Amino acid sequence: MRRSKSSAAGTKDESRKHSTATPTSMRSDTQIHEEIRQRLAECARRPDPHQVTLEHLDATNVAVSVEGGKVILTGTVAERRMKLRIEELVDACPGVEDIDNRIRIEV
C-alpha cells in the first residue's frame, strides 16, 4: 500500500515547520529513522490510551528504512490495526515526506 501525505497534511506540516527550531526539511534520514524507532519502541512498552483494545504495539518484525524523507515499512504484524497504527506513528514524525507501507498481516 502506498500512501502520500495529502495537501491538507502539508498545511499542518507547514505550521509545524515554523513552530520548531529546526525545519523538518533539514532532518536527516538518520534522524527520522531514529525517531520512528523510538516511537515504535515506546508504544511497545506502554499501551496506547486512545485504543483501549490494543494492549501493545508489537513492531519487532517490522523493518524501517528512510531515503530522502520517504519511509519504507516492511515485515509482518499480527493484526491490521497494528499496521495502521504504525503508519499513523510514522506519519506524525517530522520530516516524513512519504510512506510506503509494505507491512503484511500474519495469517
PDB file of N, CA and C in Angstrom:
ATOM      1  N   MET A   1       0.848  -1.172   0.000  1.00  0.00           N
ATOM      2  CA  MET A   1       0.000   0.000   0.000  1.00  0.00           C
ATOM      3  C   MET A   1       0.888   1.228   0.000  1.00  0.00           C
ATOM      4  N   ARG A   2       0.664   2.116  -0.894  1.00  0.00           N
ATOM      5  CA  ARG A   2       1.452   3.341  -0.989  1.00  0.00           C
ATOM      6  C   ARG A   2       0.612   4.494  -0.471  1.00  0.00           C
ATOM      7  N   ARG A   3       1.216   5.363   0.318  1.00  0.00           N
ATOM      8  CA  ARG A   3       0.497   6.459   0.902  1.00  0.00           C
ATOM      9  C   ARG A   3       1.343   7.715   0.827  1.00  0.00           C
ATOM     10  N   SER A   4       0.790   8.758   0.282  1.00  0.00           N
ATOM     11  CA  SER A   4       1.459  10.051   0.260  1.00  0.00           C
ATOM     12  C   SER A   4       0.692  11.003   1.148  1.00  0.00           C
ATOM     13  N   LYS A   5       1.394  11.933   1.730  1.00  0.00           N
ATOM     14  CA  LYS A   5       0.726  12.927   2.551  1.00  0.00           C
ATOM     15  C   LYS A   5      -0.122  13.810   1.661  1.00  0.00           C
ATOM     16  N   SER A   6      -1.325  14.120   2.118  1.00  0.00           N
ATOM     17  CA  SER A   6      -2.237  14.956   1.342  1.00  0.00           C
ATOM     18  C   SER A   6      -1.862  16.421   1.483  1.00  0.00           C
ATOM     19  N   SER A   7      -2.481  17.257   0.659  1.00  0.00           N
ATOM     20  CA  SER A   7      -2.206  18.685   0.741  1.00  0.00           C
ATOM     21  C   SER A   7      -2.672  19.248   2.073  1.00  0.00           C
ATOM     22  N   ALA A   8      -3.713  18.656   2.673  1.00  0.00           N
ATOM     23  CA  ALA A   8      -4.150  19.109   3.993  1.00  0.00           C
ATOM     24  C   ALA A   8      -3.073  18.811   5.026  1.00  0.00           C
ATOM     25  N   ALA A   9      -2.438  17.656   4.908  1.00  0.00           N
ATOM     26  CA  ALA A   9      -1.347  17.327   5.822  1.00  0.00           C
ATOM     27  C   ALA A   9      -0.181  18.262   5.592  1.00  0.00           C
ATOM     28  N   GLY A  10       0.027  18.684   4.333  1.00  0.00           N
ATOM     29  CA  GLY A  10       1.098  19.622   4.027  1.00  0.00           C
ATOM     30  C   GLY A  10       0.909  20.935   4.758  1.00  0.00           C
ATOM     31  N   THR A  11      -0.340  21.385   4.887  1.00  0.00           N
ATOM     32  CA  THR A  11      -0.622  22.611   5.624  1.00  0.00           C
ATOM     33  C   THR A  11      -0.244  22.443   7.079  1.00  0.00           C
ATOM     34  N   LYS A  12      -0.585  21.296   7.662  1.00  0.00           N
ATOM     35  CA  LYS A  12      -0.224  21.027   9.043  1.00  0.00           C
ATOM     36  C   LYS A  12       1.295  20.998   9.186  1.00  0.00           C
ATOM     37  N   ASP A  13       1.985  20.386   8.221  1.00  0.00           N
ATOM     38  CA  ASP A  13       3.439  20.325   8.270  1.00  0.00           C
ATOM     39  C   ASP A  13       4.046  21.717   8.205  1.00  0.00           C
ATOM     40  N   GLU A  14       3.450  22.599   7.403  1.00  0.00           N
ATOM     41  CA  GLU A  14       3.977  23.955   7.288  1.00  0.00           C
ATOM     42  C   GLU A  14       3.948  24.652   8.640  1.00  0.00           C
ATOM     43  N   SER A  15       2.832  24.521   9.373  1.00  0.00           N
ATOM     44  CA  SER A  15       2.763  25.170  10.678  1.00  0.00           C
ATOM     45  C   SER A  15       3.732  24.527  11.653  1.00  0.00           C
ATOM     46  N   ARG A  16       3.945  23.232  11.526  1.00  0.00           N
ATOM     47  CA  ARG A  16       4.885  22.547  12.409  1.00  0.00           C
ATOM     48  C   ARG A  16       6.301  23.010  12.105  1.00  0.00           C
ATOM     49  N   LYS A  17       6.626  23.257  10.849  1.00  0.00           N
ATOM     50  CA  LYS A  17       7.952  23.733  10.485  1.00  0.00           C
ATOM     51  C   LYS A  17       8.262  25.061  11.147  1.00  0.00           C
ATOM     52  N   HIS A  18       7.279  25.938  11.206  1.00  0.00           N
ATOM     53  CA  HIS A  18       7.508  27.258  11.764  1.00  0.00           C
ATOM     54  C   HIS A  18       7.561  27.239  13.284  1.00  0.00           C
ATOM     55  N   SER A  19       7.022  26.201  13.912  1.00  0.00           N
ATOM     56  CA  SER A  19       6.985  26.158  15.368  1.00  0.00           C
ATOM     57  C   SER A  19       8.208  25.472  15.981  1.00  0.00           C
ATOM     58  N   THR A  20       9.090  24.905  15.167  1.00  0.00           N
ATOM     59  CA  THR A  20      10.268  24.223  15.689  1.00  0.00           C
ATOM     60  C   THR A  20      11.523  24.997  15.335  1.00  0.00           C
ATOM     61  N   ALA A  21      12.574  24.768  16.096  1.00  0.00           N
ATOM     62  CA  ALA A  21      13.834  25.468  15.863  1.00  0.00           C
ATOM     63  C   ALA A  21      14.491  25.008  14.560  1.00  0.00           C
ATOM     64  N   THR A  22      14.373  23.716  14.253  1.00  0.00           N
ATOM     65  CA  THR A  22      14.970  23.157  13.041  1.00  0.00           C
ATOM     66  C   THR A  22      13.861  22.748  12.091  1.00  0.00           C
ATOM     67  N   PRO A  23      13.834  23.288  10.875  1.00  0.00           N
ATOM     68  CA  PRO A  23      12.791  22.888   9.925  1.00  0.00           C
ATOM     69  C   PRO A  23      12.842  21.387   9.670  1.00  0.00           C
ATOM     70  N   THR A  24      11.662  20.790   9.485  1.00  0.00           N
ATOM     71  CA  THR A  24      11.606  19.346   9.273  1.00  0.00           C
ATOM     72  C   THR A  24      12.337  18.947   8.004  1.00  0.00           C
ATOM     73  N   SER A  25      12.399  19.845   7.021  1.00  0.00           N
ATOM     74  CA  SER A  25      13.097  19.507   5.791  1.00  0.00           C
ATOM     75  C   SER A  25      14.600  19.370   6.011  1.00  0.00           C
ATOM     76  N   MET A  26      15.099  19.880   7.125  1.00  0.00           N
ATOM     77  CA  MET A  26      16.519  19.805   7.434  1.00  0.00           C
ATOM     78  C   MET A  26      16.875  18.519   8.187  1.00  0.00           C
ATOM     79  N   ARG A  27      15.888  17.720   8.525  1.00  0.00           N
ATOM     80  CA  ARG A  27      16.147  16.490   9.271  1.00  0.00           C
ATOM     81  C   ARG A  27      16.754  15.445   8.346  1.00  0.00           C
ATOM     82  N   SER A  28      17.790  14.809   8.821  1.00  0.00           N
ATOM     83  CA  SER A  28      18.426  13.761   8.025  1.00  0.00           C
ATOM     84  C   SER A  28      17.595  12.481   8.087  1.00  0.00           C
ATOM     85  N   ASP A  29      17.831  11.609   7.122  1.00  0.00           N
ATOM     86  CA  ASP A  29      17.160  10.311   7.119  1.00  0.00           C
ATOM     87  C   ASP A  29      17.482   9.540   8.394  1.00  0.00           C
ATOM     88  N   THR A  30      18.697   9.681   8.887  1.00  0.00           N
ATOM     89  CA  THR A  30      19.101   9.002  10.120  1.00  0.00           C
ATOM     90  C   THR A  30      18.293   9.507  11.306  1.00  0.00           C
ATOM     91  N   GLN A  31      18.085  10.814  11.378  1.00  0.00           N
ATOM     92  CA  GLN A  31      17.290  11.381  12.474  1.00  0.00           C
ATOM     93  C   GLN A  31      15.840  10.906  12.397  1.00  0.00           C
ATOM     94  N   ILE A  32      15.293  10.896  11.206  1.00  0.00           N
ATOM     95  CA  ILE A  32      13.916  10.429  11.029  1.00  0.00           C
ATOM     96  C   ILE A  32      13.810   8.964  11.427  1.00  0.00           C
ATOM     97  N   HIS A  33      14.734   8.152  10.962  1.00  0.00           N
ATOM     98  CA  HIS A  33      14.746   6.720  11.277  1.00  0.00           C
ATOM     99  C   HIS A  33      14.811   6.503  12.785  1.00  0.00           C
ATOM    100  N   GLU A  34      15.696   7.214  13.458  1.00  0.00           N
ATOM    101  CA  GLU A  34      15.861   7.053  14.903  1.00  0.00           C
ATOM    102  C   GLU A  34      14.590   7.442  15.651  1.00  0.00           C
ATOM    103  N   GLU A  35      13.955   8.524  15.244  1.00  0.00           N
ATOM    104  CA  GLU A  35      12.722   8.936  15.920  1.00  0.00           C
ATOM    105  C   GLU A  35      11.609   7.917  15.713  1.00  0.00           C
ATOM    106  N   ILE A  36      11.492   7.375  14.519  1.00  0.00           N
ATOM    107  CA  ILE A  36      10.478   6.351  14.260  1.00  0.00           C
ATOM    108  C   ILE A  36      10.716   5.137  15.139  1.00  0.00           C
ATOM    109  N   ARG A  37      11.958   4.676  15.204  1.00  0.00           N
ATOM    110  CA  ARG A  37      12.272   3.504  16.041  1.00  0.00           C
ATOM    111  C   ARG A  37      11.955   3.786  17.511  1.00  0.00           C
ATOM    112  N   GLN A  38      12.247   4.999  17.981  1.00  0.00           N
ATOM    113  CA  GLN A  38      11.934   5.359  19.373  1.00  0.00           C
ATOM    114  C   GLN A  38      10.433   5.357  19.615  1.00  0.00           C
ATOM    115  N   ARG A  39       9.680   5.913  18.688  1.00  0.00           N
ATOM    116  CA  ARG A  39       8.225   5.947  18.828  1.00  0.00           C
ATOM    117  C   ARG A  39       7.638   4.538  18.857  1.00  0.00           C
ATOM    118  N   LEU A  40       8.126   3.656  17.992  1.00  0.00           N
ATOM    119  CA  LEU A  40       7.637   2.281  17.971  1.00  0.00           C
ATOM    120  C   LEU A  40       8.002   1.541  19.255  1.00  0.00           C
ATOM    121  N   ALA A  41       9.214   1.767  19.740  1.00  0.00           N
ATOM    122  CA  ALA A  41       9.645   1.111  20.980  1.00  0.00           C
ATOM    123  C   ALA A  41       8.812   1.595  22.168  1.00  0.00           C
ATOM    124  N   GLU A  42       8.503   2.872  22.204  1.00  0.00           N
ATOM    125  CA  GLU A  42       7.707   3.434  23.293  1.00  0.00           C
ATOM    126  C   GLU A  42       6.304   2.824  23.309  1.00  0.00           C
ATOM    127  N   CYS A  43       5.700   2.650  22.151  1.00  0.00           N
ATOM    128  CA  CYS A  43       4.365   2.050  22.075  1.00  0.00           C
ATOM    129  C   CYS A  43       4.386   0.581  22.476  1.00  0.00           C
ATOM    130  N   ALA A  44       5.487  -0.085  22.255  1.00  0.00           N
ATOM    131  CA  ALA A  44       5.601  -1.491  22.647  1.00  0.00           C
ATOM    132  C   ALA A  44       5.663  -1.621  24.168  1.00  0.00           C
ATOM    133  N   ARG A  45       6.231  -0.609  24.818  1.00  0.00           N
ATOM    134  CA  ARG A  45       6.357  -0.649  26.285  1.00  0.00           C
ATOM    135  C   ARG A  45       5.092  -0.206  27.004  1.00  0.00           C
ATOM    136  N   ARG A  46       4.305   0.642  26.372  1.00  0.00           N
ATOM    137  CA  ARG A  46       3.180   1.262  27.056  1.00  0.00           C
ATOM    138  C   ARG A  46       1.945   1.207  26.174  1.00  0.00           C
ATOM    139  N   PRO A  47       0.799   0.796  26.744  1.00  0.00           N
ATOM    140  CA  PRO A  47      -0.428   0.744  25.948  1.00  0.00           C
ATOM    141  C   PRO A  47      -0.832   2.132  25.455  1.00  0.00           C
ATOM    142  N   ASP A  48      -1.480   2.181  24.318  1.00  0.00           N
ATOM    143  CA  ASP A  48      -1.990   3.425  23.766  1.00  0.00           C
ATOM    144  C   ASP A  48      -3.327   3.733  24.443  1.00  0.00           C
ATOM    145  N   PRO A  49      -3.412   4.838  25.187  1.00  0.00           N
ATOM    146  CA  PRO A  49      -4.659   5.135  25.909  1.00  0.00           C
ATOM    147  C   PRO A  49      -5.833   5.440  24.987  1.00  0.00           C
ATOM    148  N   HIS A  50      -5.568   5.773  23.728  1.00  0.00           N
ATOM    149  CA  HIS A  50      -6.633   6.093  22.781  1.00  0.00           C
ATOM    150  C   HIS A  50      -7.204   4.847  22.114  1.00  0.00           C
ATOM    151  N   GLN A  51      -6.522   3.737  22.229  1.00  0.00           N
ATOM    152  CA  GLN A  51      -7.008   2.489  21.637  1.00  0.00           C
ATOM    153  C   GLN A  51      -6.983   1.416  22.710  1.00  0.00           C
ATOM    154  N   VAL A  52      -8.033   1.414  23.528  1.00  0.00           N
ATOM    155  CA  VAL A  52      -8.102   0.533  24.681  1.00  0.00           C
ATOM    156  C   VAL A  52      -7.944  -0.926  24.294  1.00  0.00           C
ATOM    157  N   THR A  53      -8.444  -1.326  23.138  1.00  0.00           N
ATOM    158  CA  THR A  53      -8.389  -2.732  22.738  1.00  0.00           C
ATOM    159  C   THR A  53      -6.995  -3.168  22.286  1.00  0.00           C
ATOM    160  N   LEU A  54      -6.119  -2.214  22.035  1.00  0.00           N
ATOM    161  CA  LEU A  54      -4.771  -2.543  21.587  1.00  0.00           C
ATOM    162  C   LEU A  54      -3.830  -2.478  22.791  1.00  0.00           C
ATOM    163  N   GLU A  55      -3.511  -3.639  23.371  1.00  0.00           N
ATOM    164  CA  GLU A  55      -2.706  -3.670  24.578  1.00  0.00           C
ATOM    165  C   GLU A  55      -1.295  -3.161  24.339  1.00  0.00           C
ATOM    166  N   HIS A  56      -0.708  -3.541  23.257  1.00  0.00           N
ATOM    167  CA  HIS A  56       0.613  -3.035  22.909  1.00  0.00           C
ATOM    168  C   HIS A  56       0.813  -3.152  21.401  1.00  0.00           C
ATOM    169  N   LEU A  57       1.790  -2.434  20.938  1.00  0.00           N
ATOM    170  CA  LEU A  57       2.085  -2.429  19.510  1.00  0.00           C
ATOM    171  C   LEU A  57       3.365  -3.224  19.305  1.00  0.00           C
ATOM    172  N   ASP A  58       3.236  -4.415  18.751  1.00  0.00           N
ATOM    173  CA  ASP A  58       4.401  -5.266  18.541  1.00  0.00           C
ATOM    174  C   ASP A  58       4.960  -5.036  17.144  1.00  0.00           C
ATOM    175  N   ALA A  59       6.033  -4.259  17.077  1.00  0.00           N
ATOM    176  CA  ALA A  59       6.671  -3.953  15.801  1.00  0.00           C
ATOM    177  C   ALA A  59       8.030  -4.640  15.692  1.00  0.00           C
ATOM    178  N   THR A  60       8.214  -5.720  16.438  1.00  0.00           N
ATOM    179  CA  THR A  60       9.509  -6.403  16.436  1.00  0.00           C
ATOM    180  C   THR A  60       9.846  -7.013  15.078  1.00  0.00           C
ATOM    181  N   ASN A  61       8.842  -7.332  14.275  1.00  0.00           N
ATOM    182  CA  ASN A  61       9.077  -7.913  12.946  1.00  0.00           C
ATOM    183  C   ASN A  61       8.920  -6.885  11.829  1.00  0.00           C
ATOM    184  N   VAL A  62       9.046  -5.615  12.181  1.00  0.00           N
ATOM    185  CA  VAL A  62       8.889  -4.546  11.204  1.00  0.00           C
ATOM    186  C   VAL A  62      10.231  -3.851  10.993  1.00  0.00           C
ATOM    187  N   ALA A  63      10.623  -3.734   9.737  1.00  0.00           N
ATOM    188  CA  ALA A  63      11.855  -3.016   9.389  1.00  0.00           C
ATOM    189  C   ALA A  63      11.480  -1.645   8.844  1.00  0.00           C
ATOM    190  N   VAL A  64      12.310  -0.656   9.195  1.00  0.00           N
ATOM    191  CA  VAL A  64      12.086   0.721   8.767  1.00  0.00           C
ATOM    192  C   VAL A  64      13.304   1.181   7.992  1.00  0.00           C
ATOM    193  N   SER A  65      13.080   1.730   6.808  1.00  0.00           N
ATOM    194  CA  SER A  65      14.179   2.363   6.078  1.00  0.00           C
ATOM    195  C   SER A  65      13.697   3.735   5.611  1.00  0.00           C
ATOM    196  N   VAL A  66      14.642   4.668   5.535  1.00  0.00           N
ATOM    197  CA  VAL A  66      14.311   6.036   5.140  1.00  0.00           C
ATOM    198  C   VAL A  66      15.288   6.490   4.066  1.00  0.00           C
ATOM    199  N   GLU A  67      14.742   6.996   2.980  1.00  0.00           N
ATOM    200  CA  GLU A  67      15.564   7.529   1.884  1.00  0.00           C
ATOM    201  C   GLU A  67      14.930   8.818   1.382  1.00  0.00           C
ATOM    202  N   GLY A  68      15.595   9.924   1.587  1.00  0.00           N
ATOM    203  CA  GLY A  68      15.091  11.210   1.118  1.00  0.00           C
ATOM    204  C   GLY A  68      13.759  11.594   1.728  1.00  0.00           C
ATOM    205  N   GLY A  69      13.541  11.239   2.979  1.00  0.00           N
ATOM    206  CA  GLY A  69      12.288  11.554   3.659  1.00  0.00           C
ATOM    207  C   GLY A  69      11.179  10.551   3.400  1.00  0.00           C
ATOM    208  N   LYS A  70      11.419   9.581   2.505  1.00  0.00           N
ATOM    209  CA  LYS A  70      10.435   8.538   2.227  1.00  0.00           C
ATOM    210  C   LYS A  70      10.713   7.352   3.146  1.00  0.00           C
ATOM    211  N   VAL A  71       9.691   6.936   3.870  1.00  0.00           N
ATOM    212  CA  VAL A  71       9.813   5.819   4.805  1.00  0.00           C
ATOM    213  C   VAL A  71       9.223   4.572   4.162  1.00  0.00           C
ATOM    214  N   ILE A  72       9.990   3.488   4.194  1.00  0.00           N
ATOM    215  CA  ILE A  72       9.517   2.202   3.688  1.00  0.00           C
ATOM    216  C   ILE A  72       9.413   1.259   4.882  1.00  0.00           C
ATOM    217  N   LEU A  73       8.215   0.732   5.080  1.00  0.00           N
ATOM    218  CA  LEU A  73       7.947  -0.203   6.175  1.00  0.00           C
ATOM    219  C   LEU A  73       7.752  -1.595   5.587  1.00  0.00           C
ATOM    220  N   THR A  74       8.490  -2.568   6.105  1.00  0.00           N
ATOM    221  CA  THR A  74       8.344  -3.950   5.651  1.00  0.00           C
ATOM    222  C   THR A  74       8.263  -4.859   6.868  1.00  0.00           C
ATOM    223  N   GLY A  75       7.768  -6.063   6.661  1.00  0.00           N
ATOM    224  CA  GLY A  75       7.693  -7.034   7.744  1.00  0.00           C
ATOM    225  C   GLY A  75       6.260  -7.483   7.967  1.00  0.00           C
ATOM    226  N   THR A  76       6.019  -8.029   9.170  1.00  0.00           N
ATOM    227  CA  THR A  76       4.692  -8.554   9.492  1.00  0.00           C
ATOM    228  C   THR A  76       4.252  -8.110  10.876  1.00  0.00           C
ATOM    229  N   VAL A  77       2.928  -8.027  11.042  1.00  0.00           N
ATOM    230  CA  VAL A  77       2.312  -7.769  12.343  1.00  0.00           C
ATOM    231  C   VAL A  77       1.140  -8.728  12.495  1.00  0.00           C
ATOM    232  N   ALA A  78       0.663  -8.872  13.715  1.00  0.00           N
ATOM    233  CA  ALA A  78      -0.399  -9.837  13.992  1.00  0.00           C
ATOM    234  C   ALA A  78      -1.781  -9.351  13.576  1.00  0.00           C
ATOM    235  N   GLU A  79      -1.993  -8.030  13.604  1.00  0.00           N
ATOM    236  CA  GLU A  79      -3.329  -7.500  13.339  1.00  0.00           C
ATOM    237  C   GLU A  79      -3.282  -6.283  12.432  1.00  0.00           C
ATOM    238  N   ARG A  80      -4.350  -6.099  11.668  1.00  0.00           N
ATOM    239  CA  ARG A  80      -4.450  -4.976  10.745  1.00  0.00           C
ATOM    240  C   ARG A  80      -4.333  -3.645  11.468  1.00  0.00           C
ATOM    241  N   ARG A  81      -4.946  -3.522  12.625  1.00  0.00           N
ATOM    242  CA  ARG A  81      -4.883  -2.248  13.358  1.00  0.00           C
ATOM    243  C   ARG A  81      -3.457  -1.896  13.756  1.00  0.00           C
ATOM    244  N   MET A  82      -2.610  -2.894  13.958  1.00  0.00           N
ATOM    245  CA  MET A  82      -1.203  -2.615  14.256  1.00  0.00           C
ATOM    246  C   MET A  82      -0.517  -1.995  13.039  1.00  0.00           C
ATOM    247  N   LYS A  83      -0.817  -2.528  11.870  1.00  0.00           N
ATOM    248  CA  LYS A  83      -0.258  -1.988  10.630  1.00  0.00           C
ATOM    249  C   LYS A  83      -0.663  -0.525  10.473  1.00  0.00           C
ATOM    250  N   LEU A  84      -1.934  -0.242  10.684  1.00  0.00           N
ATOM    251  CA  LEU A  84      -2.440   1.112  10.534  1.00  0.00           C
ATOM    252  C   LEU A  84      -1.876   2.047  11.605  1.00  0.00           C
ATOM    253  N   ARG A  85      -1.750   1.548  12.835  1.00  0.00           N
ATOM    254  CA  ARG A  85      -1.207   2.372  13.926  1.00  0.00           C
ATOM    255  C   ARG A  85       0.260   2.711  13.668  1.00  0.00           C
ATOM    256  N   ILE A  86       1.016   1.768  13.142  1.00  0.00           N
ATOM    257  CA  ILE A  86       2.422   2.035  12.808  1.00  0.00           C
ATOM    258  C   ILE A  86       2.491   3.138  11.761  1.00  0.00           C
ATOM    259  N   GLU A  87       1.635   3.059  10.760  1.00  0.00           N
ATOM    260  CA  GLU A  87       1.633   4.095   9.727  1.00  0.00           C
ATOM    261  C   GLU A  87       1.287   5.459  10.322  1.00  0.00           C
ATOM    262  N   GLU A  88       0.331   5.501  11.252  1.00  0.00           N
ATOM    263  CA  GLU A  88      -0.030   6.759  11.915  1.00  0.00           C
ATOM    264  C   GLU A  88       1.157   7.341  12.680  1.00  0.00           C
ATOM    265  N   LEU A  89       1.880   6.486  13.381  1.00  0.00           N
ATOM    266  CA  LEU A  89       3.043   6.948  14.142  1.00  0.00           C
ATOM    267  C   LEU A  89       4.119   7.508  13.222  1.00  0.00           C
ATOM    268  N   VAL A  90       4.335   6.845  12.108  1.00  0.00           N
ATOM    269  CA  VAL A  90       5.335   7.307  11.144  1.00  0.00           C
ATOM    270  C   VAL A  90       4.889   8.635  10.536  1.00  0.00           C
ATOM    271  N   ASP A  91       3.621   8.735  10.199  1.00  0.00           N
ATOM    272  CA  ASP A  91       3.085   9.955   9.593  1.00  0.00           C
ATOM    273  C   ASP A  91       3.248  11.161  10.518  1.00  0.00           C
ATOM    274  N   ALA A  92       3.194  10.949  11.822  1.00  0.00           N
ATOM    275  CA  ALA A  92       3.308  12.033  12.791  1.00  0.00           C
ATOM    276  C   ALA A  92       4.757  12.473  13.027  1.00  0.00           C
ATOM    277  N   CYS A  93       5.691  11.758  12.465  1.00  0.00           N
ATOM    278  CA  CYS A  93       7.108  12.064  12.666  1.00  0.00           C
ATOM    279  C   CYS A  93       7.541  13.215  11.755  1.00  0.00           C
ATOM    280  N   PRO A  94       8.099  14.282  12.316  1.00  0.00           N
ATOM    281  CA  PRO A  94       8.556  15.401  11.491  1.00  0.00           C
ATOM    282  C   PRO A  94       9.611  14.959  10.477  1.00  0.00           C
ATOM    283  N   GLY A  95       9.486  15.478   9.270  1.00  0.00           N
ATOM    284  CA  GLY A  95      10.453  15.176   8.217  1.00  0.00           C
ATOM    285  C   GLY A  95      10.016  14.091   7.266  1.00  0.00           C
ATOM    286  N   VAL A  96       8.976  13.326   7.626  1.00  0.00           N
ATOM    287  CA  VAL A  96       8.493  12.253   6.755  1.00  0.00           C
ATOM    288  C   VAL A  96       7.714  12.878   5.604  1.00  0.00           C
ATOM    289  N   GLU A  97       8.149  12.591   4.397  1.00  0.00           N
ATOM    290  CA  GLU A  97       7.512  13.133   3.195  1.00  0.00           C
ATOM    291  C   GLU A  97       6.554  12.148   2.547  1.00  0.00           C
ATOM    292  N   ASP A  98       6.832  10.841   2.662  1.00  0.00           N
ATOM    293  CA  ASP A  98       6.018   9.817   2.014  1.00  0.00           C
ATOM    294  C   ASP A  98       6.179   8.521   2.796  1.00  0.00           C
ATOM    295  N   ILE A  99       5.167   7.662   2.729  1.00  0.00           N
ATOM    296  CA  ILE A  99       5.207   6.374   3.412  1.00  0.00           C
ATOM    297  C   ILE A  99       4.816   5.286   2.429  1.00  0.00           C
ATOM    298  N   ASP A 100       5.657   4.271   2.335  1.00  0.00           N
ATOM    299  CA  ASP A 100       5.356   3.087   1.534  1.00  0.00           C
ATOM    300  C   ASP A 100       5.193   1.943   2.537  1.00  0.00           C
ATOM    301  N   ASN A 101       3.947   1.654   2.892  1.00  0.00           N
ATOM    302  CA  ASN A 101       3.658   0.667   3.928  1.00  0.00           C
ATOM    303  C   ASN A 101       3.493  -0.706   3.294  1.00  0.00           C
ATOM    304  N   ARG A 102       4.546  -1.513   3.378  1.00  0.00           N
ATOM    305  CA  ARG A 102       4.546  -2.877   2.820  1.00  0.00           C
ATOM    306  C   ARG A 102       4.367  -3.928   3.901  1.00  0.00           C
ATOM    307  N   ILE A 103       3.933  -3.524   5.087  1.00  0.00           N
ATOM    308  CA  ILE A 103       3.728  -4.458   6.192  1.00  0.00           C
ATOM    309  C   ILE A 103       2.595  -5.413   5.833  1.00  0.00           C
ATOM    310  N   ARG A 104       2.807  -6.702   6.116  1.00  0.00           N
ATOM    311  CA  ARG A 104       1.791  -7.717   5.862  1.00  0.00           C
ATOM    312  C   ARG A 104       1.205  -8.198   7.186  1.00  0.00           C
ATOM    313  N   ILE A 105      -0.027  -8.663   7.121  1.00  0.00           N
ATOM    314  CA  ILE A 105      -0.718  -9.206   8.288  1.00  0.00           C
ATOM    315  C   ILE A 105      -0.434 -10.704   8.332  1.00  0.00           C
ATOM    316  N   GLU A 106       0.020 -11.196   9.490  1.00  0.00           N
ATOM    317  CA  GLU A 106       0.272 -12.640   9.635  1.00  0.00           C
ATOM    318  C   GLU A 106      -1.045 -13.392   9.529  1.00  0.00           C
ATOM    319  N   VAL A 107      -1.003 -14.528   8.893  1.00  0.00           N
ATOM    320  CA  VAL A 107      -2.227 -15.326   8.722  1.00  0.00           C
ATOM    321  C   VAL A 107      -2.185 -16.519   9.635  1.00  0.00           C
TER     322      VAL A 107
END
